[in-house]
Amino acid sequence: MMFDGINLLAVLGAAIASFAAGSFWYGMLGGLWARAAGLSGAARKPSPVVLCLTFLLELLMAFVFAGVIYHAGPVTPANGLLSAGLVWTGFVLTTLLVNHRFERRPVMLTLIDGGHWLVVLLVQGLAIGILS
């Protein structure tokens, strides 16, 4: 299934894979992340609504990212990974650094969240490149 050069099945696969990668990431670093974020008790466990919203937003992210990869050149795993690195460095990392510094958030929170979004984009770029 294609939408103006974007393989919708690749987008779905990328969203599923990145959601799984994020679940693994925060499953491993969840306690450290919660402490860095200043969360305790029930606030540490996301609600099903937040998890569903996260998946839908990662689906949207994968769709837009597939368009970026498509317009940047041939849709290949290498171009997906290169695009992931560029998008993360130019947009995600810079945004997190500005926001977290103004909010005076711990550097550990920036490292954990920034690492998560790098993994998400790398997984999405690779999945889109492989499945397209």
C-alpha atoms as a PDB file:
ATOM      1  CA  MET A   1       0.000   0.000   0.000  1.00  0.00           C
ATOM      2  CA  MET A   2       1.496   3.299  -1.096  1.00  0.00           C
ATOM      3  CA  PHE A   3       0.590   6.907  -0.391  1.00  0.00           C
ATOM      4  CA  ASP A   4       2.513   9.304  -2.626  1.00  0.00           C
ATOM      5  CA  GLY A   5       5.660   7.199  -2.453  1.00  0.00           C
ATOM      6  CA  ILE A   6       5.247   6.249   1.197  1.00  0.00           C
ATOM      7  CA  ASN A   7       4.786   2.559   1.925  1.00  0.00           C
ATOM      8  CA  LEU A   8       2.057   2.480   4.567  1.00  0.00           C
ATOM      9  CA  LEU A   9       2.875  -1.069   5.649  1.00  0.00           C
ATOM     10  CA  ALA A  10       6.483   0.011   6.224  1.00  0.00           C
ATOM     11  CA  VAL A  11       5.167   2.928   8.295  1.00  0.00           C
ATOM     12  CA  LEU A  12       3.070   0.576  10.412  1.00  0.00           C
ATOM     13  CA  GLY A  13       6.013  -1.796  10.854  1.00  0.00           C
ATOM     14  CA  ALA A  14       8.262   1.125  11.823  1.00  0.00           C
ATOM     15  CA  ALA A  15       5.748   2.349  14.401  1.00  0.00           C
ATOM     16  CA  ILE A  16       5.361  -1.105  15.938  1.00  0.00           C
ATOM     17  CA  ALA A  17       9.124  -1.681  16.019  1.00  0.00           C
ATOM     18  CA  SER A  18       9.876   1.731  17.532  1.00  0.00           C
ATOM     19  CA  PHE A  19       7.145   1.345  20.158  1.00  0.00           C
ATOM     20  CA  ALA A  20       8.654  -2.019  21.121  1.00  0.00           C
ATOM     21  CA  ALA A  21      12.140  -0.497  21.237  1.00  0.00           C
ATOM     22  CA  GLY A  22      10.875   2.340  23.451  1.00  0.00           C
ATOM     23  CA  SER A  23       9.177  -0.146  25.750  1.00  0.00           C
ATOM     24  CA  PHE A  24      12.441  -2.049  26.085  1.00  0.00           C
ATOM     25  CA  TRP A  25      14.419   1.210  26.595  1.00  0.00           C
ATOM     26  CA  TYR A  26      12.239   2.493  29.408  1.00  0.00           C
ATOM     27  CA  GLY A  27      11.791  -1.016  30.786  1.00  0.00           C
ATOM     28  CA  MET A  28      15.552  -1.107  31.311  1.00  0.00           C
ATOM     29  CA  LEU A  29      15.956   2.524  32.406  1.00  0.00           C
ATOM     30  CA  GLY A  30      12.529   3.235  33.894  1.00  0.00           C
ATOM     31  CA  GLY A  31      13.634   3.523  37.521  1.00  0.00           C
ATOM     32  CA  LEU A  32      16.544   5.792  36.661  1.00  0.00           C
ATOM     33  CA  TRP A  33      14.319   7.832  34.344  1.00  0.00           C
ATOM     34  CA  ALA A  34      11.587   8.213  37.005  1.00  0.00           C
ATOM     35  CA  ARG A  35      14.114   9.484  39.547  1.00  0.00           C
ATOM     36  CA  ALA A  36      15.595  11.929  37.024  1.00  0.00           C
ATOM     37  CA  ALA A  37      12.085  13.107  36.096  1.00  0.00           C
ATOM     38  CA  GLY A  38      11.146  13.494  39.776  1.00  0.00           C
ATOM     39  CA  LEU A  39       8.322  10.937  39.598  1.00  0.00           C
ATOM     40  CA  SER A  40       7.319   8.561  42.348  1.00  0.00           C
ATOM     41  CA  GLY A  41       4.552   6.117  43.169  1.00  0.00           C
ATOM     42  CA  ALA A  42       1.685   5.784  40.709  1.00  0.00           C
ATOM     43  CA  ALA A  43       3.079   8.591  38.533  1.00  0.00           C
ATOM     44  CA  ARG A  44       5.883   6.233  37.490  1.00  0.00           C
ATOM     45  CA  LYS A  45       3.516   3.871  35.650  1.00  0.00           C
ATOM     46  CA  PRO A  46       1.964   5.179  32.402  1.00  0.00           C
ATOM     47  CA  SER A  47      -1.766   4.774  31.896  1.00  0.00           C
ATOM     48  CA  PRO A  48      -3.146   2.737  28.989  1.00  0.00           C
ATOM     49  CA  VAL A  49      -4.369   6.013  27.475  1.00  0.00           C
ATOM     50  CA  VAL A  50      -0.816   7.415  27.475  1.00  0.00           C
ATOM     51  CA  LEU A  51       0.522   4.205  25.945  1.00  0.00           C
ATOM     52  CA  CYS A  52      -2.123   4.278  23.176  1.00  0.00           C
ATOM     53  CA  LEU A  53      -1.414   7.953  22.519  1.00  0.00           C
ATOM     54  CA  THR A  54       2.307   7.183  22.367  1.00  0.00           C
ATOM     55  CA  PHE A  55       1.751   4.501  19.731  1.00  0.00           C
ATOM     56  CA  LEU A  56      -0.487   6.781  17.644  1.00  0.00           C
ATOM     57  CA  LEU A  57       2.072   9.591  17.794  1.00  0.00           C
ATOM     58  CA  GLU A  58       4.898   7.234  16.854  1.00  0.00           C
ATOM     59  CA  LEU A  59       2.736   6.087  13.936  1.00  0.00           C
ATOM     60  CA  LEU A  60       2.393   9.715  12.847  1.00  0.00           C
ATOM     61  CA  MET A  61       6.137  10.198  13.363  1.00  0.00           C
ATOM     62  CA  ALA A  62       6.890   7.152  11.184  1.00  0.00           C
ATOM     63  CA  PHE A  63       4.590   8.447   8.428  1.00  0.00           C
ATOM     64  CA  VAL A  64       6.225  11.885   8.364  1.00  0.00           C
ATOM     65  CA  PHE A  65       9.685  10.374   8.669  1.00  0.00           C
ATOM     66  CA  ALA A  66       8.973   8.028   5.741  1.00  0.00           C
ATOM     67  CA  GLY A  67       8.131  11.132   3.710  1.00  0.00           C
ATOM     68  CA  VAL A  68      11.413  12.766   4.746  1.00  0.00           C
ATOM     69  CA  ILE A  69      13.389   9.665   3.757  1.00  0.00           C
ATOM     70  CA  TYR A  70      11.483   9.373   0.455  1.00  0.00           C
ATOM     71  CA  HIS A  71      12.175  12.984  -0.477  1.00  0.00           C
ATOM     72  CA  ALA A  72      15.852  12.750   0.568  1.00  0.00           C
ATOM     73  CA  GLY A  73      16.676  10.057  -1.974  1.00  0.00           C
ATOM     74  CA  PRO A  74      16.151   6.358  -2.512  1.00  0.00           C
ATOM     75  CA  VAL A  75      14.426   4.632   0.401  1.00  0.00           C
ATOM     76  CA  THR A  76      17.113   2.252   1.643  1.00  0.00           C
ATOM     77  CA  PRO A  77      18.193   1.088   5.093  1.00  0.00           C
ATOM     78  CA  ALA A  78      21.359   3.201   4.829  1.00  0.00           C
ATOM     79  CA  ASN A  79      19.412   6.334   3.916  1.00  0.00           C
ATOM     80  CA  GLY A  80      16.913   5.593   6.681  1.00  0.00           C
ATOM     81  CA  LEU A  81      19.707   5.412   9.254  1.00  0.00           C
ATOM     82  CA  LEU A  82      21.439   8.525   7.877  1.00  0.00           C
ATOM     83  CA  SER A  83      18.166  10.455   7.923  1.00  0.00           C
ATOM     84  CA  ALA A  84      17.530   9.282  11.499  1.00  0.00           C
ATOM     85  CA  GLY A  85      20.878  10.616  12.635  1.00  0.00           C
ATOM     86  CA  LEU A  86      20.376  13.949  10.899  1.00  0.00           C
ATOM     87  CA  VAL A  87      16.799  14.457  12.119  1.00  0.00           C
ATOM     88  CA  TRP A  88      17.736  13.467  15.673  1.00  0.00           C
ATOM     89  CA  THR A  89      20.785  15.744  15.785  1.00  0.00           C
ATOM     90  CA  GLY A  90      19.143  18.721  14.095  1.00  0.00           C
ATOM     91  CA  PHE A  91      15.699  18.638  15.663  1.00  0.00           C
ATOM     92  CA  VAL A  92      15.234  16.202  18.534  1.00  0.00           C
ATOM     93  CA  LEU A  93      18.494  16.646  20.432  1.00  0.00           C
ATOM     94  CA  THR A  94      18.482  20.415  20.020  1.00  0.00           C
ATOM     95  CA  THR A  95      14.877  20.660  21.218  1.00  0.00           C
ATOM     96  CA  LEU A  96      15.502  18.448  24.245  1.00  0.00           C
ATOM     97  CA  LEU A  97      18.642  20.346  25.191  1.00  0.00           C
ATOM     98  CA  VAL A  98      16.917  23.732  25.024  1.00  0.00           C
ATOM     99  CA  ASN A  99      13.807  22.590  26.894  1.00  0.00           C
ATOM    100  CA  HIS A 100      15.624  20.630  29.583  1.00  0.00           C
ATOM    101  CA  ARG A 101      18.157  23.393  30.208  1.00  0.00           C
ATOM    102  CA  PHE A 102      15.433  26.041  30.594  1.00  0.00           C
ATOM    103  CA  GLU A 103      13.476  23.658  32.843  1.00  0.00           C
ATOM    104  CA  ARG A 104      16.660  22.913  34.814  1.00  0.00           C
ATOM    105  CA  ARG A 105      16.052  19.194  34.369  1.00  0.00           C
ATOM    106  CA  PRO A 106      18.820  16.757  35.290  1.00  0.00           C
ATOM    107  CA  VAL A 107      21.306  15.917  32.547  1.00  0.00           C
ATOM    108  CA  MET A 108      20.514  12.238  33.165  1.00  0.00           C
ATOM    109  CA  LEU A 109      16.929  12.864  32.050  1.00  0.00           C
ATOM    110  CA  THR A 110      18.179  14.473  28.842  1.00  0.00           C
ATOM    111  CA  LEU A 111      20.506  11.534  28.191  1.00  0.00           C
ATOM    112  CA  ILE A 112      17.773   8.942  28.767  1.00  0.00           C
ATOM    113  CA  ASP A 113      15.084  10.755  26.765  1.00  0.00           C
ATOM    114  CA  GLY A 114      17.513  11.766  24.029  1.00  0.00           C
ATOM    115  CA  GLY A 115      18.808   8.218  23.747  1.00  0.00           C
ATOM    116  CA  HIS A 116      15.255   6.940  23.517  1.00  0.00           C
ATOM    117  CA  TRP A 117      14.391   9.230  20.620  1.00  0.00           C
ATOM    118  CA  LEU A 118      17.630   8.336  18.834  1.00  0.00           C
ATOM    119  CA  VAL A 119      16.761   4.646  19.130  1.00  0.00           C
ATOM    120  CA  VAL A 120      13.192   5.342  17.939  1.00  0.00           C
ATOM    121  CA  LEU A 121      14.392   7.195  14.850  1.00  0.00           C
ATOM    122  CA  LEU A 122      17.098   4.647  14.045  1.00  0.00           C
ATOM    123  CA  VAL A 123      14.602   1.782  14.344  1.00  0.00           C
ATOM    124  CA  GLN A 124      12.055   3.654  12.234  1.00  0.00           C
ATOM    125  CA  GLY A 125      14.615   4.582   9.583  1.00  0.00           C
ATOM    126  CA  LEU A 126      15.903   1.027   9.376  1.00  0.00           C
ATOM    127  CA  ALA A 127      12.398  -0.479   9.273  1.00  0.00           C
ATOM    128  CA  ILE A 128      11.212   1.961   6.602  1.00  0.00           C
ATOM    129  CA  GLY A 129      14.339   1.260   4.546  1.00  0.00           C
ATOM    130  CA  ILE A 130      13.958  -2.504   4.824  1.00  0.00           C
ATOM    131  CA  LEU A 131      10.181  -2.721   4.379  1.00  0.00           C
ATOM    132  CA  SER A 132       9.761  -0.212   1.543  1.00  0.00           C
END
